[in-house]
Amino acid sequence: MSVVPVLPLPDDVIACPSCDALMHDRDVALGETLRCPRCHAVIEAPRALAMTRIIMLALAALILMIAAIFFPFLELGAAGMVRRSSLLDTVMAFSTGLTAPLTLAMAALIVVLPVTRFLALLYVLGPMAFGWRPARYAAPVFRLAEALRPWAMAEVFVVGVAVALVKVAGLAHISIGPAFWAFVALVIVTVLKDNFMSRVTVWKTLDARRKS
């Protein structure tokens, strides 16, 4: 049985994050966009002041998350009784009995993971936005932020709440609190932040600043 040797890839080869197509890397100027020749996914799109915008959006997302946790989320009225609940009350509602593991899952997916990702991005991009060298362990922290991205499900929670409101609307009077709108704004800010961020550019900047 013959063994086919695996040759190492050159340093200037990168893989498309969508279809894994291999291509030669090249310098991309500000304002240009590098796309995958196979699936046309955006590989790199450096923009002026992109890191500063991402930091501002991450800070805004943290503030909105605090508001979403502690402010009233929904107010339900039925048969003369009114009940106000916050996002924290919703999470703690499953904290007893067999449903206790749901508390950990909801808290992690809705609050803990998004907040961890926002803080990680601030830790990685903050020093570089000021022209400084990357913070210690910036590379593994950014890798963690990328790994958490699919698991931060704030937008899924908003969709679930919207579906539940449609179901409950005929049974009780519903008033949407400020935390609900803060959570909607949080989802929008998160989408904008992800659109501004070019991950390949961040990795290249981390590499260049560590060598300087």
N, C-alpha and C. Protein backbone atom coordinates (compact mmCIF):
# COMPACT_ATOMS: atom_id res chain seq x y z
N MET A 1 0.85 -1.19 0.00
CA MET A 1 0.00 0.00 0.00
C MET A 1 0.88 1.23 0.00
N SER A 2 0.73 2.05 -1.01
CA SER A 2 1.56 3.24 -1.11
C SER A 2 0.93 4.41 -0.37
N VAL A 3 1.77 5.22 0.20
CA VAL A 3 1.33 6.40 0.94
C VAL A 3 1.63 7.64 0.12
N VAL A 4 0.61 8.42 -0.14
CA VAL A 4 0.79 9.65 -0.92
C VAL A 4 1.17 10.76 0.04
N PRO A 5 2.31 11.37 -0.13
CA PRO A 5 2.72 12.44 0.79
C PRO A 5 1.84 13.68 0.62
N VAL A 6 1.56 14.32 1.74
CA VAL A 6 0.77 15.55 1.73
C VAL A 6 1.72 16.73 1.76
N LEU A 7 1.72 17.50 0.71
CA LEU A 7 2.62 18.63 0.63
C LEU A 7 2.03 19.82 1.37
N PRO A 8 2.86 20.55 2.10
CA PRO A 8 2.35 21.74 2.80
C PRO A 8 1.96 22.83 1.81
N LEU A 9 0.93 23.57 2.18
CA LEU A 9 0.47 24.65 1.32
C LEU A 9 1.39 25.85 1.46
N PRO A 10 1.57 26.62 0.39
CA PRO A 10 2.36 27.85 0.50
C PRO A 10 1.71 28.83 1.47
N ASP A 11 2.52 29.75 1.98
CA ASP A 11 2.02 30.71 2.96
C ASP A 11 1.02 31.69 2.36
N ASP A 12 1.06 31.87 1.05
CA ASP A 12 0.18 32.86 0.43
C ASP A 12 -1.13 32.26 -0.06
N VAL A 13 -1.48 31.07 0.39
CA VAL A 13 -2.73 30.43 0.00
C VAL A 13 -3.75 30.55 1.13
N ILE A 14 -4.95 30.98 0.80
CA ILE A 14 -6.04 31.09 1.77
C ILE A 14 -7.23 30.30 1.26
N ALA A 15 -8.13 29.94 2.17
CA ALA A 15 -9.32 29.17 1.83
C ALA A 15 -10.56 30.02 2.01
N CYS A 16 -11.49 29.86 1.13
CA CYS A 16 -12.77 30.56 1.24
C CYS A 16 -13.52 30.01 2.45
N PRO A 17 -14.05 30.87 3.33
CA PRO A 17 -14.77 30.38 4.50
C PRO A 17 -16.12 29.74 4.17
N SER A 18 -16.60 29.95 2.94
CA SER A 18 -17.90 29.40 2.56
C SER A 18 -17.79 28.06 1.83
N CYS A 19 -16.89 27.97 0.85
CA CYS A 19 -16.81 26.75 0.04
C CYS A 19 -15.45 26.06 0.10
N ASP A 20 -14.50 26.62 0.90
CA ASP A 20 -13.17 26.04 1.08
C ASP A 20 -12.33 26.04 -0.18
N ALA A 21 -12.68 26.85 -1.16
CA ALA A 21 -11.84 26.95 -2.36
C ALA A 21 -10.52 27.62 -2.00
N LEU A 22 -9.41 27.10 -2.54
CA LEU A 22 -8.09 27.64 -2.26
C LEU A 22 -7.72 28.67 -3.32
N MET A 23 -7.09 29.74 -2.86
CA MET A 23 -6.68 30.81 -3.79
C MET A 23 -5.46 31.50 -3.22
N HIS A 24 -4.73 32.17 -4.09
CA HIS A 24 -3.56 32.92 -3.66
C HIS A 24 -4.01 34.23 -3.01
N ASP A 25 -3.42 34.51 -1.87
CA ASP A 25 -3.74 35.75 -1.17
C ASP A 25 -3.02 36.91 -1.85
N ARG A 26 -3.60 38.06 -1.71
CA ARG A 26 -2.98 39.28 -2.24
C ARG A 26 -3.39 40.45 -1.37
N ASP A 27 -2.63 41.53 -1.48
CA ASP A 27 -2.96 42.74 -0.72
C ASP A 27 -4.21 43.39 -1.32
N VAL A 28 -5.15 43.72 -0.45
CA VAL A 28 -6.40 44.36 -0.87
C VAL A 28 -6.40 45.77 -0.32
N ALA A 29 -6.53 46.75 -1.20
CA ALA A 29 -6.51 48.15 -0.77
C ALA A 29 -7.83 48.53 -0.11
N LEU A 30 -7.79 49.64 0.64
CA LEU A 30 -9.01 50.14 1.27
C LEU A 30 -10.08 50.43 0.22
N GLY A 31 -11.27 49.97 0.48
CA GLY A 31 -12.37 50.20 -0.44
C GLY A 31 -12.56 49.10 -1.45
N GLU A 32 -11.54 48.23 -1.63
CA GLU A 32 -11.66 47.10 -2.56
C GLU A 32 -12.30 45.90 -1.87
N THR A 33 -12.76 44.96 -2.66
CA THR A 33 -13.38 43.75 -2.13
C THR A 33 -12.81 42.54 -2.84
N LEU A 34 -12.32 41.58 -2.06
CA LEU A 34 -11.82 40.34 -2.61
C LEU A 34 -12.90 39.27 -2.44
N ARG A 35 -13.32 38.66 -3.56
CA ARG A 35 -14.38 37.66 -3.54
C ARG A 35 -13.84 36.29 -3.98
N CYS A 36 -14.52 35.26 -3.53
CA CYS A 36 -14.15 33.91 -3.93
C CYS A 36 -14.51 33.71 -5.40
N PRO A 37 -13.59 33.20 -6.23
CA PRO A 37 -13.91 32.99 -7.65
C PRO A 37 -14.94 31.89 -7.88
N ARG A 38 -15.13 31.01 -6.89
CA ARG A 38 -16.08 29.91 -7.07
C ARG A 38 -17.49 30.29 -6.61
N CYS A 39 -17.65 30.73 -5.35
CA CYS A 39 -18.99 31.02 -4.81
C CYS A 39 -19.27 32.50 -4.67
N HIS A 40 -18.28 33.35 -4.96
CA HIS A 40 -18.43 34.81 -4.92
C HIS A 40 -18.69 35.35 -3.51
N ALA A 41 -18.37 34.56 -2.49
CA ALA A 41 -18.47 35.07 -1.12
C ALA A 41 -17.38 36.10 -0.88
N VAL A 42 -17.64 37.07 -0.02
CA VAL A 42 -16.67 38.11 0.29
C VAL A 42 -15.58 37.52 1.19
N ILE A 43 -14.34 37.59 0.74
CA ILE A 43 -13.21 37.09 1.51
C ILE A 43 -12.60 38.20 2.35
N GLU A 44 -12.41 39.33 1.73
CA GLU A 44 -11.79 40.45 2.43
C GLU A 44 -12.34 41.75 1.86
N ALA A 45 -12.68 42.67 2.76
CA ALA A 45 -13.22 43.96 2.33
C ALA A 45 -12.80 45.03 3.32
N PRO A 46 -11.53 45.43 3.31
CA PRO A 46 -11.07 46.45 4.27
C PRO A 46 -11.71 47.79 4.01
N ARG A 47 -12.11 48.45 5.09
CA ARG A 47 -12.74 49.76 5.00
C ARG A 47 -12.08 50.71 5.99
N ALA A 48 -12.05 51.97 5.66
CA ALA A 48 -11.46 52.97 6.54
C ALA A 48 -12.27 53.06 7.84
N LEU A 49 -11.56 53.12 8.98
CA LEU A 49 -12.17 53.25 10.31
C LEU A 49 -13.10 52.09 10.65
N ALA A 50 -12.92 50.95 9.99
CA ALA A 50 -13.80 49.81 10.24
C ALA A 50 -13.68 49.33 11.69
N MET A 51 -12.45 49.26 12.21
CA MET A 51 -12.28 48.78 13.58
C MET A 51 -12.94 49.72 14.59
N THR A 52 -12.83 51.02 14.35
CA THR A 52 -13.47 51.98 15.25
C THR A 52 -14.98 51.81 15.24
N ARG A 53 -15.55 51.59 14.06
CA ARG A 53 -16.99 51.38 13.97
C ARG A 53 -17.42 50.10 14.67
N ILE A 54 -16.63 49.05 14.51
CA ILE A 54 -16.96 47.79 15.17
C ILE A 54 -16.92 47.95 16.69
N ILE A 55 -15.91 48.67 17.20
CA ILE A 55 -15.81 48.90 18.64
C ILE A 55 -17.01 49.69 19.14
N MET A 56 -17.40 50.73 18.41
CA MET A 56 -18.56 51.53 18.82
C MET A 56 -19.84 50.69 18.81
N LEU A 57 -20.00 49.85 17.80
CA LEU A 57 -21.18 49.00 17.73
C LEU A 57 -21.17 47.94 18.83
N ALA A 58 -19.99 47.40 19.16
CA ALA A 58 -19.90 46.42 20.24
C ALA A 58 -20.24 47.06 21.58
N LEU A 59 -19.78 48.29 21.82
CA LEU A 59 -20.13 49.00 23.05
C LEU A 59 -21.63 49.28 23.10
N ALA A 60 -22.18 49.71 21.97
CA ALA A 60 -23.63 49.95 21.92
C ALA A 60 -24.41 48.66 22.20
N ALA A 61 -23.91 47.54 21.67
CA ALA A 61 -24.58 46.26 21.90
C ALA A 61 -24.54 45.87 23.37
N LEU A 62 -23.44 46.13 24.05
CA LEU A 62 -23.35 45.84 25.48
C LEU A 62 -24.34 46.67 26.28
N ILE A 63 -24.45 47.96 25.94
CA ILE A 63 -25.40 48.83 26.64
C ILE A 63 -26.84 48.36 26.40
N LEU A 64 -27.14 48.01 25.15
CA LEU A 64 -28.48 47.52 24.84
C LEU A 64 -28.77 46.19 25.54
N MET A 65 -27.77 45.35 25.69
CA MET A 65 -27.97 44.08 26.39
C MET A 65 -28.31 44.33 27.86
N ILE A 66 -27.62 45.27 28.50
CA ILE A 66 -27.93 45.60 29.89
C ILE A 66 -29.36 46.10 30.02
N ALA A 67 -29.77 46.97 29.08
CA ALA A 67 -31.14 47.47 29.10
C ALA A 67 -32.13 46.34 28.86
N ALA A 68 -31.80 45.42 27.97
CA ALA A 68 -32.71 44.33 27.66
C ALA A 68 -32.87 43.37 28.83
N ILE A 69 -31.84 43.25 29.66
CA ILE A 69 -31.90 42.32 30.79
C ILE A 69 -32.74 42.87 31.93
N PHE A 70 -32.58 44.15 32.25
CA PHE A 70 -33.15 44.67 33.49
C PHE A 70 -34.44 45.48 33.29
N PHE A 71 -34.67 46.04 32.11
CA PHE A 71 -35.90 46.80 31.90
C PHE A 71 -37.07 45.85 31.65
N PRO A 72 -38.31 46.33 31.83
CA PRO A 72 -39.48 45.47 31.52
C PRO A 72 -39.48 45.04 30.07
N PHE A 73 -39.71 43.75 29.87
CA PHE A 73 -39.70 43.18 28.52
C PHE A 73 -41.12 43.12 27.95
N LEU A 74 -42.05 42.56 28.71
CA LEU A 74 -43.44 42.45 28.29
C LEU A 74 -44.35 42.72 29.48
N GLU A 75 -45.55 43.18 29.17
CA GLU A 75 -46.59 43.34 30.19
C GLU A 75 -47.85 42.65 29.70
N LEU A 76 -48.32 41.68 30.47
CA LEU A 76 -49.51 40.91 30.10
C LEU A 76 -50.65 41.28 31.04
N GLY A 77 -51.82 41.53 30.46
CA GLY A 77 -53.01 41.85 31.24
C GLY A 77 -54.17 40.95 30.86
N ALA A 78 -54.77 40.31 31.87
CA ALA A 78 -55.90 39.41 31.62
C ALA A 78 -56.73 39.31 32.90
N ALA A 79 -58.05 39.42 32.75
CA ALA A 79 -58.98 39.30 33.89
C ALA A 79 -58.63 40.27 35.01
N GLY A 80 -58.24 41.46 34.65
CA GLY A 80 -57.93 42.47 35.64
C GLY A 80 -56.57 42.34 36.29
N MET A 81 -55.82 41.35 35.93
CA MET A 81 -54.49 41.15 36.52
C MET A 81 -53.43 41.53 35.49
N VAL A 82 -52.38 42.21 35.97
CA VAL A 82 -51.30 42.67 35.11
C VAL A 82 -49.99 42.07 35.61
N ARG A 83 -49.23 41.53 34.70
CA ARG A 83 -47.94 40.93 35.07
C ARG A 83 -46.85 41.48 34.16
N ARG A 84 -45.83 42.08 34.80
CA ARG A 84 -44.68 42.58 34.06
C ARG A 84 -43.53 41.61 34.24
N SER A 85 -42.77 41.42 33.18
CA SER A 85 -41.63 40.51 33.26
C SER A 85 -40.47 41.07 32.46
N SER A 86 -39.29 40.85 32.99
CA SER A 86 -38.07 41.24 32.30
C SER A 86 -37.44 40.01 31.65
N LEU A 87 -36.39 40.22 30.89
CA LEU A 87 -35.69 39.09 30.29
C LEU A 87 -35.10 38.19 31.37
N LEU A 88 -34.64 38.80 32.45
CA LEU A 88 -34.10 38.02 33.57
C LEU A 88 -35.18 37.16 34.19
N ASP A 89 -36.40 37.70 34.32
CA ASP A 89 -37.52 36.90 34.85
C ASP A 89 -37.82 35.72 33.93
N THR A 90 -37.74 35.95 32.63
CA THR A 90 -38.02 34.87 31.67
C THR A 90 -37.02 33.73 31.80
N VAL A 91 -35.76 34.09 31.98
CA VAL A 91 -34.73 33.07 32.13
C VAL A 91 -34.91 32.30 33.43
N MET A 92 -35.20 33.03 34.53
CA MET A 92 -35.33 32.40 35.84
C MET A 92 -36.62 31.60 35.98
N ALA A 93 -37.55 31.76 35.06
CA ALA A 93 -38.81 31.02 35.15
C ALA A 93 -38.59 29.52 35.00
N PHE A 94 -37.48 29.12 34.41
CA PHE A 94 -37.19 27.70 34.21
C PHE A 94 -36.14 27.18 35.18
N SER A 95 -35.93 27.88 36.30
CA SER A 95 -34.81 27.56 37.18
C SER A 95 -35.10 26.48 38.20
N THR A 96 -36.29 25.89 38.20
CA THR A 96 -36.62 24.86 39.18
C THR A 96 -37.06 23.58 38.46
N GLY A 97 -36.88 22.46 39.16
CA GLY A 97 -37.36 21.19 38.64
C GLY A 97 -36.55 20.68 37.47
N LEU A 98 -37.22 19.88 36.65
CA LEU A 98 -36.55 19.24 35.52
C LEU A 98 -36.17 20.24 34.43
N THR A 99 -36.81 21.41 34.45
CA THR A 99 -36.51 22.41 33.42
C THR A 99 -35.32 23.30 33.80
N ALA A 100 -34.66 23.00 34.92
CA ALA A 100 -33.52 23.83 35.34
C ALA A 100 -32.41 23.91 34.27
N PRO A 101 -32.10 22.82 33.55
CA PRO A 101 -31.07 22.96 32.51
C PRO A 101 -31.43 23.98 31.43
N LEU A 102 -32.75 24.21 31.22
CA LEU A 102 -33.13 25.23 30.24
C LEU A 102 -32.67 26.62 30.66
N THR A 103 -32.58 26.83 31.97
CA THR A 103 -32.11 28.13 32.45
C THR A 103 -30.69 28.39 31.98
N LEU A 104 -29.83 27.39 32.15
CA LEU A 104 -28.45 27.54 31.71
C LEU A 104 -28.37 27.72 30.19
N ALA A 105 -29.16 26.94 29.46
CA ALA A 105 -29.13 27.04 28.00
C ALA A 105 -29.61 28.40 27.52
N MET A 106 -30.74 28.88 28.07
CA MET A 106 -31.27 30.19 27.66
C MET A 106 -30.32 31.31 28.03
N ALA A 107 -29.80 31.26 29.27
CA ALA A 107 -28.89 32.31 29.70
C ALA A 107 -27.63 32.34 28.84
N ALA A 108 -27.14 31.15 28.47
CA ALA A 108 -25.91 31.09 27.67
C ALA A 108 -26.15 31.60 26.25
N LEU A 109 -27.20 31.10 25.60
CA LEU A 109 -27.42 31.42 24.19
C LEU A 109 -27.91 32.85 23.99
N ILE A 110 -28.66 33.37 24.97
CA ILE A 110 -29.29 34.68 24.79
C ILE A 110 -28.44 35.80 25.37
N VAL A 111 -27.74 35.53 26.48
CA VAL A 111 -27.05 36.61 27.19
C VAL A 111 -25.53 36.36 27.25
N VAL A 112 -25.12 35.24 27.83
CA VAL A 112 -23.71 35.03 28.16
C VAL A 112 -22.84 34.99 26.91
N LEU A 113 -23.21 34.20 25.91
CA LEU A 113 -22.37 34.07 24.72
C LEU A 113 -22.30 35.37 23.92
N PRO A 114 -23.43 36.07 23.67
CA PRO A 114 -23.30 37.36 22.98
C PRO A 114 -22.42 38.36 23.73
N VAL A 115 -22.60 38.46 25.06
CA VAL A 115 -21.79 39.40 25.84
C VAL A 115 -20.32 39.01 25.79
N THR A 116 -20.03 37.71 25.91
CA THR A 116 -18.64 37.25 25.82
C THR A 116 -18.03 37.62 24.48
N ARG A 117 -18.81 37.47 23.41
CA ARG A 117 -18.29 37.80 22.08
C ARG A 117 -18.04 39.29 21.93
N PHE A 118 -18.95 40.13 22.45
CA PHE A 118 -18.75 41.58 22.38
C PHE A 118 -17.48 41.98 23.13
N LEU A 119 -17.30 41.43 24.34
CA LEU A 119 -16.12 41.76 25.14
C LEU A 119 -14.85 41.27 24.46
N ALA A 120 -14.91 40.11 23.83
CA ALA A 120 -13.74 39.58 23.14
C ALA A 120 -13.34 40.49 21.98
N LEU A 121 -14.32 40.97 21.22
CA LEU A 121 -14.00 41.86 20.10
C LEU A 121 -13.42 43.18 20.59
N LEU A 122 -13.95 43.69 21.69
CA LEU A 122 -13.38 44.92 22.26
C LEU A 122 -11.94 44.70 22.71
N TYR A 123 -11.67 43.53 23.30
CA TYR A 123 -10.33 43.22 23.76
C TYR A 123 -9.35 43.11 22.60
N VAL A 124 -9.80 42.53 21.49
CA VAL A 124 -8.91 42.30 20.35
C VAL A 124 -8.73 43.58 19.53
N LEU A 125 -9.83 44.26 19.22
CA LEU A 125 -9.77 45.38 18.29
C LEU A 125 -9.44 46.71 18.96
N GLY A 126 -9.71 46.84 20.26
CA GLY A 126 -9.48 48.10 20.95
C GLY A 126 -8.06 48.63 20.80
N PRO A 127 -7.05 47.86 21.22
CA PRO A 127 -5.67 48.37 21.09
C PRO A 127 -5.28 48.66 19.65
N MET A 128 -5.69 47.82 18.71
CA MET A 128 -5.29 48.03 17.32
C MET A 128 -5.98 49.25 16.71
N ALA A 129 -7.17 49.58 17.18
CA ALA A 129 -7.85 50.78 16.66
C ALA A 129 -7.09 52.05 17.02
N PHE A 130 -6.33 52.00 18.14
CA PHE A 130 -5.51 53.15 18.55
C PHE A 130 -4.09 53.07 17.98
N GLY A 131 -3.83 52.08 17.14
CA GLY A 131 -2.51 51.95 16.54
C GLY A 131 -1.50 51.25 17.41
N TRP A 132 -1.95 50.61 18.51
CA TRP A 132 -1.04 49.92 19.41
C TRP A 132 -0.82 48.48 18.96
N ARG A 133 0.12 47.83 19.65
CA ARG A 133 0.31 46.40 19.41
C ARG A 133 -0.90 45.62 19.95
N PRO A 134 -1.17 44.45 19.39
CA PRO A 134 -2.31 43.67 19.88
C PRO A 134 -2.14 43.29 21.34
N ALA A 135 -3.26 43.17 22.04
CA ALA A 135 -3.22 42.74 23.43
C ALA A 135 -2.71 41.32 23.53
N ARG A 136 -2.28 40.95 24.72
CA ARG A 136 -1.79 39.59 24.93
C ARG A 136 -2.92 38.58 24.71
N TYR A 137 -2.61 37.50 24.05
CA TYR A 137 -3.58 36.45 23.71
C TYR A 137 -4.71 36.96 22.80
N ALA A 138 -4.43 38.01 22.02
CA ALA A 138 -5.46 38.55 21.14
C ALA A 138 -5.90 37.53 20.10
N ALA A 139 -4.95 36.76 19.57
CA ALA A 139 -5.29 35.78 18.52
C ALA A 139 -6.23 34.69 19.05
N PRO A 140 -5.93 34.02 20.18
CA PRO A 140 -6.89 33.02 20.68
C PRO A 140 -8.22 33.62 21.11
N VAL A 141 -8.21 34.85 21.60
CA VAL A 141 -9.47 35.48 22.00
C VAL A 141 -10.33 35.76 20.77
N PHE A 142 -9.70 36.21 19.67
CA PHE A 142 -10.47 36.44 18.45
C PHE A 142 -10.96 35.12 17.87
N ARG A 143 -10.15 34.07 18.00
CA ARG A 143 -10.59 32.74 17.55
C ARG A 143 -11.80 32.28 18.36
N LEU A 144 -11.80 32.58 19.66
CA LEU A 144 -12.95 32.25 20.50
C LEU A 144 -14.19 33.02 20.07
N ALA A 145 -14.01 34.32 19.76
CA ALA A 145 -15.14 35.14 19.33
C ALA A 145 -15.75 34.60 18.04
N GLU A 146 -14.91 34.11 17.13
CA GLU A 146 -15.42 33.54 15.89
C GLU A 146 -16.11 32.21 16.14
N ALA A 147 -15.60 31.43 17.10
CA ALA A 147 -16.22 30.14 17.40
C ALA A 147 -17.59 30.33 18.07
N LEU A 148 -17.76 31.42 18.82
CA LEU A 148 -19.03 31.68 19.50
C LEU A 148 -20.09 32.27 18.58
N ARG A 149 -19.67 32.74 17.43
CA ARG A 149 -20.60 33.45 16.55
C ARG A 149 -21.86 32.64 16.20
N PRO A 150 -21.76 31.36 15.80
CA PRO A 150 -23.00 30.63 15.46
C PRO A 150 -23.89 30.33 16.65
N TRP A 151 -23.32 30.41 17.88
CA TRP A 151 -24.08 30.00 19.06
C TRP A 151 -24.73 31.18 19.78
N ALA A 152 -24.41 32.39 19.40
CA ALA A 152 -25.05 33.57 19.99
C ALA A 152 -26.38 33.80 19.27
N MET A 153 -27.48 33.39 19.91
CA MET A 153 -28.77 33.30 19.22
C MET A 153 -29.76 34.35 19.69
N ALA A 154 -29.33 35.59 19.83
CA ALA A 154 -30.25 36.64 20.24
C ALA A 154 -31.34 36.86 19.21
N GLU A 155 -30.98 36.79 17.93
CA GLU A 155 -31.98 37.01 16.87
C GLU A 155 -33.01 35.88 16.84
N VAL A 156 -32.58 34.65 17.17
CA VAL A 156 -33.53 33.54 17.22
C VAL A 156 -34.53 33.76 18.34
N PHE A 157 -34.06 34.30 19.46
CA PHE A 157 -34.95 34.59 20.58
C PHE A 157 -35.99 35.64 20.20
N VAL A 158 -35.58 36.67 19.48
CA VAL A 158 -36.52 37.71 19.05
C VAL A 158 -37.59 37.12 18.14
N VAL A 159 -37.19 36.26 17.21
CA VAL A 159 -38.17 35.61 16.33
C VAL A 159 -39.13 34.76 17.14
N GLY A 160 -38.61 34.01 18.12
CA GLY A 160 -39.46 33.19 18.97
C GLY A 160 -40.45 34.02 19.77
N VAL A 161 -39.99 35.15 20.28
CA VAL A 161 -40.90 36.04 21.03
C VAL A 161 -41.98 36.59 20.11
N ALA A 162 -41.62 36.97 18.89
CA ALA A 162 -42.61 37.50 17.95
C ALA A 162 -43.68 36.46 17.63
N VAL A 163 -43.27 35.20 17.45
CA VAL A 163 -44.23 34.13 17.20
C VAL A 163 -45.14 33.93 18.41
N ALA A 164 -44.55 33.96 19.61
CA ALA A 164 -45.34 33.78 20.83
C ALA A 164 -46.34 34.91 21.02
N LEU A 165 -45.95 36.14 20.66
CA LEU A 165 -46.88 37.27 20.80
C LEU A 165 -48.10 37.10 19.91
N VAL A 166 -47.88 36.58 18.71
CA VAL A 166 -49.01 36.34 17.82
C VAL A 166 -49.96 35.31 18.42
N LYS A 167 -49.41 34.28 19.06
CA LYS A 167 -50.23 33.23 19.66
C LYS A 167 -51.01 33.74 20.87
N VAL A 168 -50.39 34.61 21.67
CA VAL A 168 -50.99 35.03 22.94
C VAL A 168 -51.87 36.27 22.77
N ALA A 169 -51.76 36.94 21.64
CA ALA A 169 -52.46 38.22 21.46
C ALA A 169 -53.96 38.09 21.65
N GLY A 170 -54.56 36.96 21.30
CA GLY A 170 -55.99 36.80 21.44
C GLY A 170 -56.43 36.41 22.83
N LEU A 171 -55.49 36.08 23.72
CA LEU A 171 -55.84 35.63 25.06
C LEU A 171 -55.63 36.70 26.13
N ALA A 172 -54.79 37.65 25.87
CA ALA A 172 -54.48 38.66 26.88
C ALA A 172 -54.06 39.95 26.20
N HIS A 173 -54.13 41.04 26.96
CA HIS A 173 -53.67 42.33 26.47
C HIS A 173 -52.15 42.40 26.65
N ILE A 174 -51.44 42.67 25.59
CA ILE A 174 -49.98 42.65 25.62
C ILE A 174 -49.44 44.05 25.36
N SER A 175 -48.52 44.47 26.24
CA SER A 175 -47.81 45.73 26.04
C SER A 175 -46.32 45.43 25.96
N ILE A 176 -45.68 45.91 24.92
CA ILE A 176 -44.26 45.66 24.72
C ILE A 176 -43.46 46.70 25.50
N GLY A 177 -42.54 46.22 26.32
CA GLY A 177 -41.72 47.10 27.14
C GLY A 177 -40.48 47.59 26.43
N PRO A 178 -39.74 48.51 27.06
CA PRO A 178 -38.52 49.05 26.43
C PRO A 178 -37.44 48.00 26.20
N ALA A 179 -37.41 46.95 27.03
CA ALA A 179 -36.39 45.91 26.86
C ALA A 179 -36.57 45.17 25.54
N PHE A 180 -37.82 45.00 25.11
CA PHE A 180 -38.07 44.33 23.84
C PHE A 180 -37.43 45.11 22.69
N TRP A 181 -37.67 46.42 22.68
CA TRP A 181 -37.11 47.24 21.60
C TRP A 181 -35.59 47.34 21.72
N ALA A 182 -35.08 47.31 22.96
CA ALA A 182 -33.63 47.28 23.14
C ALA A 182 -33.04 46.00 22.55
N PHE A 183 -33.77 44.89 22.71
CA PHE A 183 -33.29 43.62 22.18
C PHE A 183 -33.35 43.62 20.65
N VAL A 184 -34.40 44.21 20.08
CA VAL A 184 -34.48 44.32 18.62
C VAL A 184 -33.34 45.17 18.10
N ALA A 185 -33.07 46.30 18.79
CA ALA A 185 -31.95 47.16 18.39
C ALA A 185 -30.63 46.42 18.53
N LEU A 186 -30.52 45.57 19.55
CA LEU A 186 -29.31 44.77 19.74
C LEU A 186 -29.06 43.85 18.55
N VAL A 187 -30.11 43.22 18.06
CA VAL A 187 -29.97 42.33 16.91
C VAL A 187 -29.52 43.12 15.68
N ILE A 188 -30.10 44.29 15.47
CA ILE A 188 -29.73 45.12 14.32
C ILE A 188 -28.27 45.55 14.42
N VAL A 189 -27.87 45.99 15.62
CA VAL A 189 -26.48 46.43 15.83
C VAL A 189 -25.52 45.26 15.60
N THR A 190 -25.89 44.07 16.04
CA THR A 190 -25.03 42.90 15.85
C THR A 190 -24.85 42.59 14.37
N VAL A 191 -25.94 42.68 13.60
CA VAL A 191 -25.84 42.43 12.16
C VAL A 191 -24.94 43.47 11.49
N LEU A 192 -25.10 44.73 11.87
CA LEU A 192 -24.25 45.78 11.30
C LEU A 192 -22.79 45.55 11.65
N LYS A 193 -22.53 45.16 12.90
CA LYS A 193 -21.16 44.91 13.34
C LYS A 193 -20.53 43.78 12.53
N ASP A 194 -21.27 42.70 12.32
CA ASP A 194 -20.73 41.58 11.56
C ASP A 194 -20.50 41.95 10.10
N ASN A 195 -21.33 42.84 9.56
CA ASN A 195 -21.15 43.27 8.17
C ASN A 195 -19.92 44.16 8.02
N PHE A 196 -19.63 44.95 9.05
CA PHE A 196 -18.46 45.83 9.00
C PHE A 196 -17.16 45.06 9.13
N MET A 197 -17.20 43.92 9.80
CA MET A 197 -15.96 43.23 10.16
C MET A 197 -15.49 42.31 9.04
N SER A 198 -14.28 42.54 8.58
CA SER A 198 -13.62 41.65 7.63
C SER A 198 -12.65 40.79 8.42
N ARG A 199 -12.98 39.51 8.58
CA ARG A 199 -12.18 38.65 9.46
C ARG A 199 -10.77 38.44 8.93
N VAL A 200 -10.63 38.31 7.62
CA VAL A 200 -9.29 38.15 7.05
C VAL A 200 -8.45 39.38 7.33
N THR A 201 -9.05 40.56 7.22
CA THR A 201 -8.32 41.80 7.51
C THR A 201 -7.89 41.85 8.97
N VAL A 202 -8.76 41.40 9.88
CA VAL A 202 -8.40 41.38 11.30
C VAL A 202 -7.21 40.46 11.53
N TRP A 203 -7.24 39.26 10.94
CA TRP A 203 -6.13 38.33 11.11
C TRP A 203 -4.84 38.90 10.53
N LYS A 204 -4.92 39.54 9.37
CA LYS A 204 -3.72 40.13 8.76
C LYS A 204 -3.18 41.27 9.64
N THR A 205 -4.08 42.09 10.19
CA THR A 205 -3.64 43.18 11.05
C THR A 205 -3.01 42.64 12.32
N LEU A 206 -3.59 41.60 12.88
CA LEU A 206 -3.00 40.98 14.08
C LEU A 206 -1.59 40.46 13.77
N ASP A 207 -1.44 39.84 12.63
CA ASP A 207 -0.14 39.28 12.24
C ASP A 207 0.89 40.41 12.05
N ALA A 208 0.45 41.46 11.34
CA ALA A 208 1.39 42.54 11.05
C ALA A 208 1.79 43.31 12.31
N ARG A 209 0.83 43.55 13.20
CA ARG A 209 1.14 44.33 14.42
C ARG A 209 2.02 43.52 15.38
N ARG A 210 1.84 42.19 15.40
CA ARG A 210 2.68 41.39 16.30
C ARG A 210 4.13 41.36 15.83
N LYS A 211 4.36 41.49 14.52
CA LYS A 211 5.71 41.45 13.97
C LYS A 211 6.40 42.82 14.01
N SER A 212 5.60 43.87 14.16
CA SER A 212 6.18 45.23 14.12
C SER A 212 6.85 45.58 15.44
